[in-house]
């Protein structure tokens, strides 16, 4: 109902709603407030909200207009806004209750836990299994699992995987979604551990699975960013186009995490956090590291030239440094489903 609070700057009229009886003919309504469906509804809601927060001594972030910051005597409060959802920073111990409620709602509390979110022995396709007569349960389940990824990054790849079948899920997909719940049931108390490490700097890991989708052969990229040894941001996402080589898929993954690092550096600087060293970027592709350090292009990389230019530029500016890690120590591989993040960090 948040959009209904927005004030209108223009004169907007609407037809008389069905069921409403008015005297006279050819009557219309003049709106005094915003309504859902108006093209200016989001803007007017944001204007109303920002006006109220600014009156409470919050200021708008210069790097993200949906972020509001309040700093008094060294105490910082951060409010993040996404459409009509508002997130206030702070300690919150309610997520375990949400997880238990989800398992109880679906009668999964007695399920035997499993070792990983996805069953690697099962191969999925769009046409696998019997189509669900009502896909509502599957969609709701995936949506709630997506909410859990806010503090459980090891579910990110599994949720990204299941999101591919939202348009026409089958019985096999629903069974696999319940498999994720079995994993959640065994990891109820796991979450993000904020370290008290004295080394306060940004570092990142990125990796990709080349042509991992059996249907489209598109690749999946994953990255994570650490601040002072604590996990700060992460993402697992299927790439928009088919990659023709392993270096191409790795470089696209690098481009995404470098863009994230550039934004985070500006944002944290606004929160009075400065860094004196480059952010180490760890990856297991020697060819991608070589391409980033040597500004040269050939037939195999010319179609990703913009990505190469961007990464090389940020490397030259001193934002990042590149570090090779063996695949066995790569902590954000999509195939590992980000499972080992909590163990290692």
C-alpha atoms as a PDB file:
ATOM      1  CA  UNK A   1       0.000   0.000   0.000  1.00  0.00           C
ATOM      2  CA  UNK A   2       3.067   2.269   0.022  1.00  0.00           C
ATOM      3  CA  UNK A   3       2.470   3.757  -3.424  1.00  0.00           C
ATOM      4  CA  UNK A   4      -0.829   5.235  -2.210  1.00  0.00           C
ATOM      5  CA  UNK A   5       1.077   7.762  -0.069  1.00  0.00           C
ATOM      6  CA  UNK A   6       2.709   9.548  -3.001  1.00  0.00           C
ATOM      7  CA  UNK A   7       1.514  13.078  -3.782  1.00  0.00           C
ATOM      8  CA  UNK A   8       0.722  13.929  -7.403  1.00  0.00           C
ATOM      9  CA  UNK A   9       2.286  16.935  -9.115  1.00  0.00           C
ATOM     10  CA  UNK A  10       0.044  16.631 -12.184  1.00  0.00           C
ATOM     11  CA  UNK A  11      -3.722  16.524 -12.618  1.00  0.00           C
ATOM     12  CA  UNK A  12      -4.673  12.877 -13.127  1.00  0.00           C
ATOM     13  CA  UNK A  13      -8.194  11.578 -13.729  1.00  0.00           C
ATOM     14  CA  UNK A  14      -9.684   8.087 -13.790  1.00  0.00           C
ATOM     15  CA  UNK A  15     -12.964   6.461 -14.721  1.00  0.00           C
ATOM     16  CA  UNK A  16     -15.531   5.737 -12.005  1.00  0.00           C
ATOM     17  CA  UNK A  17     -14.715   2.286 -10.553  1.00  0.00           C
ATOM     18  CA  UNK A  18     -17.222  -0.504 -11.089  1.00  0.00           C
ATOM     19  CA  UNK A  19     -19.722  -0.766  -8.253  1.00  0.00           C
ATOM     20  CA  UNK A  20     -19.450   2.898  -7.263  1.00  0.00           C
ATOM     21  CA  UNK A  21     -22.699   4.826  -7.746  1.00  0.00           C
ATOM     22  CA  UNK A  22     -22.520   8.586  -8.445  1.00  0.00           C
ATOM     23  CA  UNK A  23     -25.150  11.118  -9.406  1.00  0.00           C
ATOM     24  CA  UNK A  24     -25.043  12.506 -12.911  1.00  0.00           C
ATOM     25  CA  UNK A  25     -23.542  11.150 -16.088  1.00  0.00           C
ATOM     26  CA  UNK A  26     -20.124  11.376 -17.726  1.00  0.00           C
ATOM     27  CA  UNK A  27     -18.484  11.733 -14.305  1.00  0.00           C
ATOM     28  CA  UNK A  28     -14.812  10.975 -13.629  1.00  0.00           C
ATOM     29  CA  UNK A  29     -12.578  10.991 -10.551  1.00  0.00           C
ATOM     30  CA  UNK A  30      -9.728  13.403  -9.899  1.00  0.00           C
ATOM     31  CA  UNK A  31      -6.907  11.702  -8.023  1.00  0.00           C
ATOM     32  CA  UNK A  32      -5.418  13.408  -4.983  1.00  0.00           C
ATOM     33  CA  UNK A  33      -2.897  10.637  -4.306  1.00  0.00           C
ATOM     34  CA  UNK A  34      -0.927   8.167  -6.386  1.00  0.00           C
ATOM     35  CA  UNK A  35      -2.280   4.743  -7.335  1.00  0.00           C
ATOM     36  CA  UNK A  36      -0.645   1.468  -8.312  1.00  0.00           C
ATOM     37  CA  UNK A  37      -0.390   1.335 -12.088  1.00  0.00           C
ATOM     38  CA  UNK A  38       0.330   5.033 -12.618  1.00  0.00           C
ATOM     39  CA  UNK A  39       3.534   5.590 -14.540  1.00  0.00           C
ATOM     40  CA  UNK A  40       4.657   8.147 -11.954  1.00  0.00           C
ATOM     41  CA  UNK A  41       3.701   6.006  -8.923  1.00  0.00           C
ATOM     42  CA  UNK A  42       7.241   4.782  -8.176  1.00  0.00           C
ATOM     43  CA  UNK A  43       8.740   8.259  -8.523  1.00  0.00           C
ATOM     44  CA  UNK A  44       6.140   9.884  -6.265  1.00  0.00           C
ATOM     45  CA  UNK A  45       6.542   7.177  -3.618  1.00  0.00           C
ATOM     46  CA  UNK A  46      10.304   7.682  -3.657  1.00  0.00           C
ATOM     47  CA  UNK A  47       9.873  11.466  -3.379  1.00  0.00           C
ATOM     48  CA  UNK A  48       7.555  11.065  -0.379  1.00  0.00           C
ATOM     49  CA  UNK A  49       9.842   8.569   1.337  1.00  0.00           C
ATOM     50  CA  UNK A  50      13.064  10.518   0.732  1.00  0.00           C
ATOM     51  CA  UNK A  51      11.412  13.716   1.959  1.00  0.00           C
ATOM     52  CA  UNK A  52      10.412  11.973   5.193  1.00  0.00           C
ATOM     53  CA  UNK A  53      13.838  10.376   5.738  1.00  0.00           C
ATOM     54  CA  UNK A  54      15.685  13.618   5.041  1.00  0.00           C
ATOM     55  CA  UNK A  55      13.494  15.323   7.651  1.00  0.00           C
ATOM     56  CA  UNK A  56      14.829  12.691  10.105  1.00  0.00           C
ATOM     57  CA  UNK A  57      18.450  13.716   9.329  1.00  0.00           C
ATOM     58  CA  UNK A  58      19.143  10.992   6.763  1.00  0.00           C
ATOM     59  CA  UNK A  59      21.106  11.898   3.648  1.00  0.00           C
ATOM     60  CA  UNK A  60      20.888  10.315   0.195  1.00  0.00           C
ATOM     61  CA  UNK A  61      23.929   8.308  -0.865  1.00  0.00           C
ATOM     62  CA  UNK A  62      25.822   9.815  -3.784  1.00  0.00           C
ATOM     63  CA  UNK A  63      26.494   6.345  -5.183  1.00  0.00           C
ATOM     64  CA  UNK A  64      23.063   4.761  -4.739  1.00  0.00           C
ATOM     65  CA  UNK A  65      19.938   6.919  -4.634  1.00  0.00           C
ATOM     66  CA  UNK A  66      17.992   4.123  -2.942  1.00  0.00           C
ATOM     67  CA  UNK A  67      20.378   4.198   0.037  1.00  0.00           C
ATOM     68  CA  UNK A  68      19.933   6.622   2.944  1.00  0.00           C
ATOM     69  CA  UNK A  69      22.608   7.213   5.577  1.00  0.00           C
ATOM     70  CA  UNK A  70      22.379   8.779   9.015  1.00  0.00           C
ATOM     71  CA  UNK A  71      25.554   9.456  10.991  1.00  0.00           C
ATOM     72  CA  UNK A  72      25.498  10.940  14.494  1.00  0.00           C
ATOM     73  CA  UNK A  73      28.535  10.870  16.804  1.00  0.00           C
ATOM     74  CA  UNK A  74      30.119   8.037  14.866  1.00  0.00           C
ATOM     75  CA  UNK A  75      26.949   5.895  14.878  1.00  0.00           C
ATOM     76  CA  UNK A  76      25.781   5.082  11.348  1.00  0.00           C
ATOM     77  CA  UNK A  77      22.317   3.873  10.383  1.00  0.00           C
ATOM     78  CA  UNK A  78      21.727   2.727   6.817  1.00  0.00           C
ATOM     79  CA  UNK A  79      18.301   2.378   5.179  1.00  0.00           C
ATOM     80  CA  UNK A  80      18.093   0.582   1.813  1.00  0.00           C
ATOM     81  CA  UNK A  81      14.959   0.883  -0.322  1.00  0.00           C
ATOM     82  CA  UNK A  82      13.919  -1.523  -3.083  1.00  0.00           C
ATOM     83  CA  UNK A  83      10.604  -0.542  -4.718  1.00  0.00           C
ATOM     84  CA  UNK A  84       8.287  -0.631  -1.676  1.00  0.00           C
ATOM     85  CA  UNK A  85      10.546  -2.757   0.555  1.00  0.00           C
ATOM     86  CA  UNK A  86      12.702  -1.053   3.188  1.00  0.00           C
ATOM     87  CA  UNK A  87      15.758  -2.689   4.781  1.00  0.00           C
ATOM     88  CA  UNK A  88      17.311  -1.269   7.956  1.00  0.00           C
ATOM     89  CA  UNK A  89      20.834  -2.345   8.840  1.00  0.00           C
ATOM     90  CA  UNK A  90      21.410  -4.007  12.209  1.00  0.00           C
ATOM     91  CA  UNK A  91      21.483  -7.319  14.006  1.00  0.00           C
ATOM     92  CA  UNK A  92      18.474  -9.497  13.226  1.00  0.00           C
ATOM     93  CA  UNK A  93      17.999 -12.924  14.756  1.00  0.00           C
ATOM     94  CA  UNK A  94      14.600 -13.574  13.158  1.00  0.00           C
ATOM     95  CA  UNK A  95      15.806 -15.428  10.053  1.00  0.00           C
ATOM     96  CA  UNK A  96      16.117 -18.780  11.802  1.00  0.00           C
ATOM     97  CA  UNK A  97      12.440 -18.470  12.762  1.00  0.00           C
ATOM     98  CA  UNK A  98      11.567 -17.735   9.114  1.00  0.00           C
ATOM     99  CA  UNK A  99      13.463 -20.862   8.058  1.00  0.00           C
ATOM    100  CA  UNK A 100      11.751 -23.020  10.668  1.00  0.00           C
ATOM    101  CA  UNK A 101       8.354 -21.638   9.661  1.00  0.00           C
ATOM    102  CA  UNK A 102       9.093 -22.473   6.017  1.00  0.00           C
ATOM    103  CA  UNK A 103      10.101 -26.056   6.853  1.00  0.00           C
ATOM    104  CA  UNK A 104       7.067 -26.461   9.111  1.00  0.00           C
ATOM    105  CA  UNK A 105       4.701 -25.053   6.482  1.00  0.00           C
ATOM    106  CA  UNK A 106       5.862 -27.657   3.961  1.00  0.00           C
ATOM    107  CA  UNK A 107       6.104 -30.498   6.526  1.00  0.00           C
ATOM    108  CA  UNK A 108       9.861 -30.824   6.030  1.00  0.00           C
ATOM    109  CA  UNK A 109      11.089 -30.633   9.636  1.00  0.00           C
ATOM    110  CA  UNK A 110      11.510 -34.424   9.807  1.00  0.00           C
ATOM    111  CA  UNK A 111      13.283 -34.721   6.452  1.00  0.00           C
ATOM    112  CA  UNK A 112      16.737 -36.292   6.498  1.00  0.00           C
ATOM    113  CA  UNK A 113      19.390 -33.627   5.751  1.00  0.00           C
ATOM    114  CA  UNK A 114      21.532 -33.956   2.621  1.00  0.00           C
ATOM    115  CA  UNK A 115      25.102 -32.890   1.907  1.00  0.00           C
ATOM    116  CA  UNK A 116      24.462 -30.406  -0.926  1.00  0.00           C
ATOM    117  CA  UNK A 117      21.591 -28.194  -2.170  1.00  0.00           C
ATOM    118  CA  UNK A 118      21.426 -29.914  -5.585  1.00  0.00           C
ATOM    119  CA  UNK A 119      21.431 -33.608  -6.377  1.00  0.00           C
ATOM    120  CA  UNK A 120      24.273 -33.894  -8.897  1.00  0.00           C
ATOM    121  CA  UNK A 121      23.022 -37.306 -10.033  1.00  0.00           C
ATOM    122  CA  UNK A 122      19.808 -35.838 -11.488  1.00  0.00           C
ATOM    123  CA  UNK A 123      19.846 -34.220 -14.929  1.00  0.00           C
ATOM    124  CA  UNK A 124      17.216 -31.565 -15.553  1.00  0.00           C
ATOM    125  CA  UNK A 125      15.610 -30.298 -18.728  1.00  0.00           C
ATOM    126  CA  UNK A 126      12.641 -28.043 -19.420  1.00  0.00           C
ATOM    127  CA  UNK A 127      10.513 -31.036 -20.447  1.00  0.00           C
ATOM    128  CA  UNK A 128      11.538 -33.387 -17.636  1.00  0.00           C
ATOM    129  CA  UNK A 129       8.789 -35.003 -15.559  1.00  0.00           C
ATOM    130  CA  UNK A 130       5.038 -34.508 -15.357  1.00  0.00           C
ATOM    131  CA  UNK A 131       3.990 -30.821 -15.608  1.00  0.00           C
ATOM    132  CA  UNK A 132       2.512 -29.474 -12.378  1.00  0.00           C
ATOM    133  CA  UNK A 133      -1.203 -28.741 -12.623  1.00  0.00           C
ATOM    134  CA  UNK A 134      -0.702 -25.785 -10.272  1.00  0.00           C
ATOM    135  CA  UNK A 135       2.835 -24.323 -10.235  1.00  0.00           C
ATOM    136  CA  UNK A 136       2.015 -21.920  -7.378  1.00  0.00           C
ATOM    137  CA  UNK A 137       3.693 -24.040  -4.684  1.00  0.00           C
ATOM    138  CA  UNK A 138       6.903 -24.331  -6.703  1.00  0.00           C
ATOM    139  CA  UNK A 139       7.017 -20.597  -7.402  1.00  0.00           C
ATOM    140  CA  UNK A 140       6.363 -19.716  -3.759  1.00  0.00           C
ATOM    141  CA  UNK A 141       9.026 -22.156  -2.597  1.00  0.00           C
ATOM    142  CA  UNK A 142      11.671 -20.773  -4.960  1.00  0.00           C
ATOM    143  CA  UNK A 143      10.738 -17.228  -3.935  1.00  0.00           C
ATOM    144  CA  UNK A 144      11.209 -18.028  -0.245  1.00  0.00           C
ATOM    145  CA  UNK A 145      14.496 -19.799  -0.924  1.00  0.00           C
ATOM    146  CA  UNK A 146      15.601 -16.706  -2.822  1.00  0.00           C
ATOM    147  CA  UNK A 147      14.894 -14.657   0.320  1.00  0.00           C
ATOM    148  CA  UNK A 148      17.126 -17.010   2.322  1.00  0.00           C
ATOM    149  CA  UNK A 149      20.068 -16.303  -0.001  1.00  0.00           C
ATOM    150  CA  UNK A 150      20.311 -12.867   1.665  1.00  0.00           C
ATOM    151  CA  UNK A 151      22.151 -14.568   4.529  1.00  0.00           C
ATOM    152  CA  UNK A 152      22.802 -18.023   3.048  1.00  0.00           C
ATOM    153  CA  UNK A 153      24.952 -17.508  -0.048  1.00  0.00           C
ATOM    154  CA  UNK A 154      25.538 -21.238  -0.443  1.00  0.00           C
ATOM    155  CA  UNK A 155      21.948 -21.452  -1.740  1.00  0.00           C
ATOM    156  CA  UNK A 156      22.573 -18.913  -4.520  1.00  0.00           C
ATOM    157  CA  UNK A 157      23.434 -21.388  -7.280  1.00  0.00           C
ATOM    158  CA  UNK A 158      20.554 -23.720  -6.383  1.00  0.00           C
ATOM    159  CA  UNK A 159      18.060 -20.840  -6.427  1.00  0.00           C
ATOM    160  CA  UNK A 160      19.471 -19.542  -9.726  1.00  0.00           C
ATOM    161  CA  UNK A 161      19.094 -23.042 -11.137  1.00  0.00           C
ATOM    162  CA  UNK A 162      15.468 -23.479 -10.043  1.00  0.00           C
ATOM    163  CA  UNK A 163      14.517 -20.001 -11.250  1.00  0.00           C
ATOM    164  CA  UNK A 164      15.018 -21.231 -14.830  1.00  0.00           C
ATOM    165  CA  UNK A 165      11.918 -23.439 -14.609  1.00  0.00           C
ATOM    166  CA  UNK A 166       9.429 -20.993 -13.088  1.00  0.00           C
ATOM    167  CA  UNK A 167       7.442 -20.756 -16.351  1.00  0.00           C
ATOM    168  CA  UNK A 168       6.581 -24.473 -16.517  1.00  0.00           C
ATOM    169  CA  UNK A 169       7.827 -26.517 -13.543  1.00  0.00           C
ATOM    170  CA  UNK A 170       7.363 -30.271 -13.406  1.00  0.00           C
ATOM    171  CA  UNK A 171       7.220 -32.887 -10.662  1.00  0.00           C
ATOM    172  CA  UNK A 172      10.971 -33.465 -11.014  1.00  0.00           C
ATOM    173  CA  UNK A 173      11.682 -29.778 -10.434  1.00  0.00           C
ATOM    174  CA  UNK A 174       9.448 -29.724  -7.347  1.00  0.00           C
ATOM    175  CA  UNK A 175      11.207 -32.797  -5.946  1.00  0.00           C
ATOM    176  CA  UNK A 176      14.552 -31.077  -6.510  1.00  0.00           C
ATOM    177  CA  UNK A 177      13.273 -27.969  -4.714  1.00  0.00           C
ATOM    178  CA  UNK A 178      12.356 -30.134  -1.725  1.00  0.00           C
ATOM    179  CA  UNK A 179      15.907 -31.492  -1.895  1.00  0.00           C
ATOM    180  CA  UNK A 180      17.114 -27.924  -1.252  1.00  0.00           C
ATOM    181  CA  UNK A 181      14.846 -27.804   1.812  1.00  0.00           C
ATOM    182  CA  UNK A 182      16.452 -30.995   3.104  1.00  0.00           C
ATOM    183  CA  UNK A 183      19.811 -29.260   2.853  1.00  0.00           C
ATOM    184  CA  UNK A 184      18.432 -26.187   4.642  1.00  0.00           C
ATOM    185  CA  UNK A 185      17.089 -28.447   7.391  1.00  0.00           C
ATOM    186  CA  UNK A 186      20.631 -29.628   8.092  1.00  0.00           C
ATOM    187  CA  UNK A 187      22.156 -26.134   8.081  1.00  0.00           C
ATOM    188  CA  UNK A 188      19.647 -24.191  10.177  1.00  0.00           C
ATOM    189  CA  UNK A 189      22.263 -22.453  12.307  1.00  0.00           C
ATOM    190  CA  UNK A 190      24.629 -21.584   9.474  1.00  0.00           C
ATOM    191  CA  UNK A 191      24.776 -18.038   8.194  1.00  0.00           C
ATOM    192  CA  UNK A 192      27.170 -15.169   7.714  1.00  0.00           C
ATOM    193  CA  UNK A 193      30.008 -14.865  10.218  1.00  0.00           C
ATOM    194  CA  UNK A 194      31.342 -11.326  10.544  1.00  0.00           C
ATOM    195  CA  UNK A 195      35.022 -11.635  11.372  1.00  0.00           C
ATOM    196  CA  UNK A 196      36.926  -9.296  13.685  1.00  0.00           C
ATOM    197  CA  UNK A 197      40.053  -9.540  11.538  1.00  0.00           C
ATOM    198  CA  UNK A 198      42.363  -6.550  11.825  1.00  0.00           C
ATOM    199  CA  UNK A 199      43.195  -6.547   8.101  1.00  0.00           C
ATOM    200  CA  UNK A 200      40.429  -4.330   6.780  1.00  0.00           C
ATOM    201  CA  UNK A 201      40.449  -4.414   2.979  1.00  0.00           C
ATOM    202  CA  UNK A 202      38.362  -5.595   0.035  1.00  0.00           C
ATOM    203  CA  UNK A 203      39.150  -8.788  -1.839  1.00  0.00           C
ATOM    204  CA  UNK A 204      37.172 -10.854  -4.317  1.00  0.00           C
ATOM    205  CA  UNK A 205      36.910 -14.282  -5.933  1.00  0.00           C
ATOM    206  CA  UNK A 206      35.288 -15.056  -9.277  1.00  0.00           C
ATOM    207  CA  UNK A 207      34.762 -18.223 -11.268  1.00  0.00           C
ATOM    208  CA  UNK A 208      32.547 -19.672 -14.008  1.00  0.00           C
ATOM    209  CA  UNK A 209      31.216 -22.971 -15.306  1.00  0.00           C
ATOM    210  CA  UNK A 210      31.549 -23.006 -19.078  1.00  0.00           C
ATOM    211  CA  UNK A 211      28.448 -24.181 -21.029  1.00  0.00           C
ATOM    212  CA  UNK A 212      26.949 -25.684 -17.881  1.00  0.00           C
ATOM    213  CA  UNK A 213      23.294 -25.351 -18.966  1.00  0.00           C
ATOM    214  CA  UNK A 214      22.339 -28.579 -20.803  1.00  0.00           C
ATOM    215  CA  UNK A 215      19.586 -26.845 -22.797  1.00  0.00           C
ATOM    216  CA  UNK A 216      21.024 -23.488 -23.886  1.00  0.00           C
ATOM    217  CA  UNK A 217      24.739 -24.254 -23.257  1.00  0.00           C
ATOM    218  CA  UNK A 218      25.065 -20.880 -21.596  1.00  0.00           C
ATOM    219  CA  UNK A 219      27.571 -20.523 -18.777  1.00  0.00           C
ATOM    220  CA  UNK A 220      27.095 -19.591 -15.127  1.00  0.00           C
ATOM    221  CA  UNK A 221      29.256 -16.995 -13.390  1.00  0.00           C
ATOM    222  CA  UNK A 222      29.726 -16.573  -9.662  1.00  0.00           C
ATOM    223  CA  UNK A 223      31.615 -14.077  -7.568  1.00  0.00           C
ATOM    224  CA  UNK A 224      31.977 -13.060  -3.955  1.00  0.00           C
ATOM    225  CA  UNK A 225      33.473  -9.977  -2.307  1.00  0.00           C
ATOM    226  CA  UNK A 226      34.980  -9.992   1.178  1.00  0.00           C
ATOM    227  CA  UNK A 227      35.515  -7.020   3.475  1.00  0.00           C
ATOM    228  CA  UNK A 228      37.976  -7.618   6.293  1.00  0.00           C
ATOM    229  CA  UNK A 229      37.585 -11.373   5.859  1.00  0.00           C
ATOM    230  CA  UNK A 230      33.774 -11.194   6.056  1.00  0.00           C
ATOM    231  CA  UNK A 231      31.471 -11.924   3.141  1.00  0.00           C
ATOM    232  CA  UNK A 232      29.946  -8.692   1.834  1.00  0.00           C
ATOM    233  CA  UNK A 233      28.314  -9.355  -1.558  1.00  0.00           C
ATOM    234  CA  UNK A 234      27.912 -12.382  -3.819  1.00  0.00           C
ATOM    235  CA  UNK A 235      26.101 -13.467  -6.961  1.00  0.00           C
ATOM    236  CA  UNK A 236      25.537 -16.559  -9.088  1.00  0.00           C
ATOM    237  CA  UNK A 237      23.949 -15.883 -12.473  1.00  0.00           C
ATOM    238  CA  UNK A 238      23.625 -17.453 -15.895  1.00  0.00           C
ATOM    239  CA  UNK A 239      25.327 -15.391 -18.590  1.00  0.00           C
ATOM    240  CA  UNK A 240      23.113 -13.762 -21.221  1.00  0.00           C
ATOM    241  CA  UNK A 241      24.947 -15.155 -24.263  1.00  0.00           C
ATOM    242  CA  UNK A 242      26.752 -18.357 -25.179  1.00  0.00           C
ATOM    243  CA  UNK A 243      30.503 -18.175 -24.564  1.00  0.00           C
ATOM    244  CA  UNK A 244      32.739 -19.543 -27.320  1.00  0.00           C
ATOM    245  CA  UNK A 245      35.737 -20.287 -25.089  1.00  0.00           C
ATOM    246  CA  UNK A 246      36.692 -20.712 -21.450  1.00  0.00           C
ATOM    247  CA  UNK A 247      38.644 -17.439 -21.421  1.00  0.00           C
ATOM    248  CA  UNK A 248      35.539 -15.609 -22.636  1.00  0.00           C
ATOM    249  CA  UNK A 249      33.355 -16.909 -19.823  1.00  0.00           C
ATOM    250  CA  UNK A 250      36.054 -16.183 -17.228  1.00  0.00           C
ATOM    251  CA  UNK A 251      36.565 -12.661 -18.510  1.00  0.00           C
ATOM    252  CA  UNK A 252      32.870 -11.867 -18.383  1.00  0.00           C
ATOM    253  CA  UNK A 253      32.879 -13.044 -14.781  1.00  0.00           C
ATOM    254  CA  UNK A 254      35.868 -10.768 -14.080  1.00  0.00           C
ATOM    255  CA  UNK A 255      34.067  -7.809 -15.633  1.00  0.00           C
ATOM    256  CA  UNK A 256      31.082  -8.272 -13.315  1.00  0.00           C
ATOM    257  CA  UNK A 257      33.071  -8.499 -10.098  1.00  0.00           C
ATOM    258  CA  UNK A 258      35.377  -5.599 -11.034  1.00  0.00           C
ATOM    259  CA  UNK A 259      32.317  -3.421 -11.653  1.00  0.00           C
ATOM    260  CA  UNK A 260      31.016  -4.478  -8.220  1.00  0.00           C
ATOM    261  CA  UNK A 261      34.368  -3.611  -6.609  1.00  0.00           C
ATOM    262  CA  UNK A 262      34.421  -0.180  -8.255  1.00  0.00           C
ATOM    263  CA  UNK A 263      30.951   0.605  -6.921  1.00  0.00           C
ATOM    264  CA  UNK A 264      31.678  -0.771  -3.438  1.00  0.00           C
ATOM    265  CA  UNK A 265      34.865   1.290  -3.171  1.00  0.00           C
ATOM    266  CA  UNK A 266      32.942   4.495  -3.871  1.00  0.00           C
ATOM    267  CA  UNK A 267      30.094   3.534  -1.546  1.00  0.00           C
ATOM    268  CA  UNK A 268      32.357   2.558   1.369  1.00  0.00           C
ATOM    269  CA  UNK A 269      34.346   5.745   0.887  1.00  0.00           C
ATOM    270  CA  UNK A 270      31.107   7.642   1.422  1.00  0.00           C
ATOM    271  CA  UNK A 271      30.732   5.712   4.698  1.00  0.00           C
ATOM    272  CA  UNK A 272      34.198   6.969   5.774  1.00  0.00           C
ATOM    273  CA  UNK A 273      35.988   3.708   4.898  1.00  0.00           C
ATOM    274  CA  UNK A 274      39.138   4.113   2.830  1.00  0.00           C
ATOM    275  CA  UNK A 275      41.562   1.482   1.566  1.00  0.00           C
ATOM    276  CA  UNK A 276      45.278   1.925   0.983  1.00  0.00           C
ATOM    277  CA  UNK A 277      45.877  -1.316  -0.932  1.00  0.00           C
ATOM    278  CA  UNK A 278      44.459  -2.703  -4.142  1.00  0.00           C
ATOM    279  CA  UNK A 279      41.634  -5.192  -3.862  1.00  0.00           C
ATOM    280  CA  UNK A 280      43.051  -8.651  -4.666  1.00  0.00           C
ATOM    281  CA  UNK A 281      40.944 -10.493  -7.245  1.00  0.00           C
ATOM    282  CA  UNK A 282      41.485 -14.265  -7.097  1.00  0.00           C
ATOM    283  CA  UNK A 283      40.694 -16.496 -10.083  1.00  0.00           C
ATOM    284  CA  UNK A 284      41.858 -19.820 -11.488  1.00  0.00           C
ATOM    285  CA  UNK A 285      42.333 -18.790 -15.133  1.00  0.00           C
ATOM    286  CA  UNK A 286      45.915 -17.980 -16.115  1.00  0.00           C
ATOM    287  CA  UNK A 287      44.822 -16.966 -19.614  1.00  0.00           C
ATOM    288  CA  UNK A 288      42.319 -14.414 -18.266  1.00  0.00           C
ATOM    289  CA  UNK A 289      44.990 -12.934 -15.979  1.00  0.00           C
ATOM    290  CA  UNK A 290      47.442 -12.716 -18.886  1.00  0.00           C
ATOM    291  CA  UNK A 291      44.871 -10.987 -21.106  1.00  0.00           C
ATOM    292  CA  UNK A 292      44.083  -8.443 -18.392  1.00  0.00           C
ATOM    293  CA  UNK A 293      47.745  -7.594 -17.829  1.00  0.00           C
ATOM    294  CA  UNK A 294      48.686  -7.496 -21.509  1.00  0.00           C
ATOM    295  CA  UNK A 295      46.539  -5.078 -23.461  1.00  0.00           C
ATOM    296  CA  UNK A 296      46.416  -7.036 -26.716  1.00  0.00           C
ATOM    297  CA  UNK A 297      43.544  -8.571 -28.684  1.00  0.00           C
ATOM    298  CA  UNK A 298      43.283 -11.290 -31.292  1.00  0.00           C
ATOM    299  CA  UNK A 299      40.627 -13.314 -33.071  1.00  0.00           C
ATOM    300  CA  UNK A 300      39.528 -15.224 -29.976  1.00  0.00           C
ATOM    301  CA  UNK A 301      38.982 -12.177 -27.746  1.00  0.00           C
ATOM    302  CA  UNK A 302      38.037  -9.294 -30.028  1.00  0.00           C
ATOM    303  CA  UNK A 303      34.295  -9.841 -29.458  1.00  0.00           C
ATOM    304  CA  UNK A 304      34.788  -9.248 -25.697  1.00  0.00           C
ATOM    305  CA  UNK A 305      37.021  -6.227 -26.238  1.00  0.00           C
ATOM    306  CA  UNK A 306      34.858  -3.904 -24.096  1.00  0.00           C
ATOM    307  CA  UNK A 307      35.100  -6.261 -21.123  1.00  0.00           C
ATOM    308  CA  UNK A 308      38.865  -6.455 -21.615  1.00  0.00           C
ATOM    309  CA  UNK A 309      39.223  -2.669 -21.810  1.00  0.00           C
ATOM    310  CA  UNK A 310      37.216  -2.181 -18.606  1.00  0.00           C
ATOM    311  CA  UNK A 311      39.163  -4.737 -16.540  1.00  0.00           C
ATOM    312  CA  UNK A 312      42.522  -3.537 -17.884  1.00  0.00           C
ATOM    313  CA  UNK A 313      41.592   0.070 -17.084  1.00  0.00           C
ATOM    314  CA  UNK A 314      40.694  -0.723 -13.464  1.00  0.00           C
ATOM    315  CA  UNK A 315      43.867  -2.774 -13.111  1.00  0.00           C
ATOM    316  CA  UNK A 316      45.915   0.157 -14.437  1.00  0.00           C
ATOM    317  CA  UNK A 317      44.109   2.607 -12.106  1.00  0.00           C
ATOM    318  CA  UNK A 318      45.122   0.549  -9.083  1.00  0.00           C
ATOM    319  CA  UNK A 319      41.643  -0.568  -8.055  1.00  0.00           C
ATOM    320  CA  UNK A 320      42.494  -4.287  -8.226  1.00  0.00           C
ATOM    321  CA  UNK A 321      45.410  -6.688  -8.305  1.00  0.00           C
ATOM    322  CA  UNK A 322      45.146 -10.129  -9.913  1.00  0.00           C
ATOM    323  CA  UNK A 323      46.016 -13.332  -8.101  1.00  0.00           C
ATOM    324  CA  UNK A 324      45.950 -16.902  -9.400  1.00  0.00           C
ATOM    325  CA  UNK A 325      44.461 -19.618  -7.183  1.00  0.00           C
ATOM    326  CA  UNK A 326      44.275 -23.325  -8.056  1.00  0.00           C
ATOM    327  CA  UNK A 327      40.812 -24.612  -8.895  1.00  0.00           C
ATOM    328  CA  UNK A 328      40.902 -26.786  -5.764  1.00  0.00           C
ATOM    329  CA  UNK A 329      41.089 -23.608  -3.645  1.00  0.00           C
ATOM    330  CA  UNK A 330      38.549 -21.615  -5.656  1.00  0.00           C
ATOM    331  CA  UNK A 331      35.826 -20.858  -3.108  1.00  0.00           C
ATOM    332  CA  UNK A 332      33.097 -19.473  -5.374  1.00  0.00           C
ATOM    333  CA  UNK A 333      32.865 -22.073  -8.124  1.00  0.00           C
ATOM    334  CA  UNK A 334      29.241 -22.407  -9.291  1.00  0.00           C
ATOM    335  CA  UNK A 335      29.652 -26.173  -9.285  1.00  0.00           C
ATOM    336  CA  UNK A 336      30.389 -25.991  -5.558  1.00  0.00           C
ATOM    337  CA  UNK A 337      27.196 -23.965  -5.103  1.00  0.00           C
ATOM    338  CA  UNK A 338      29.117 -21.563  -2.857  1.00  0.00           C
ATOM    339  CA  UNK A 339      28.857 -24.228  -0.147  1.00  0.00           C
ATOM    340  CA  UNK A 340      32.332 -23.783   1.295  1.00  0.00           C
ATOM    341  CA  UNK A 341      32.176 -20.028   1.818  1.00  0.00           C
ATOM    342  CA  UNK A 342      30.977 -20.344   5.403  1.00  0.00           C
ATOM    343  CA  UNK A 343      33.649 -22.942   6.160  1.00  0.00           C
ATOM    344  CA  UNK A 344      36.555 -20.962   4.728  1.00  0.00           C
ATOM    345  CA  UNK A 345      35.567 -17.448   5.736  1.00  0.00           C
END
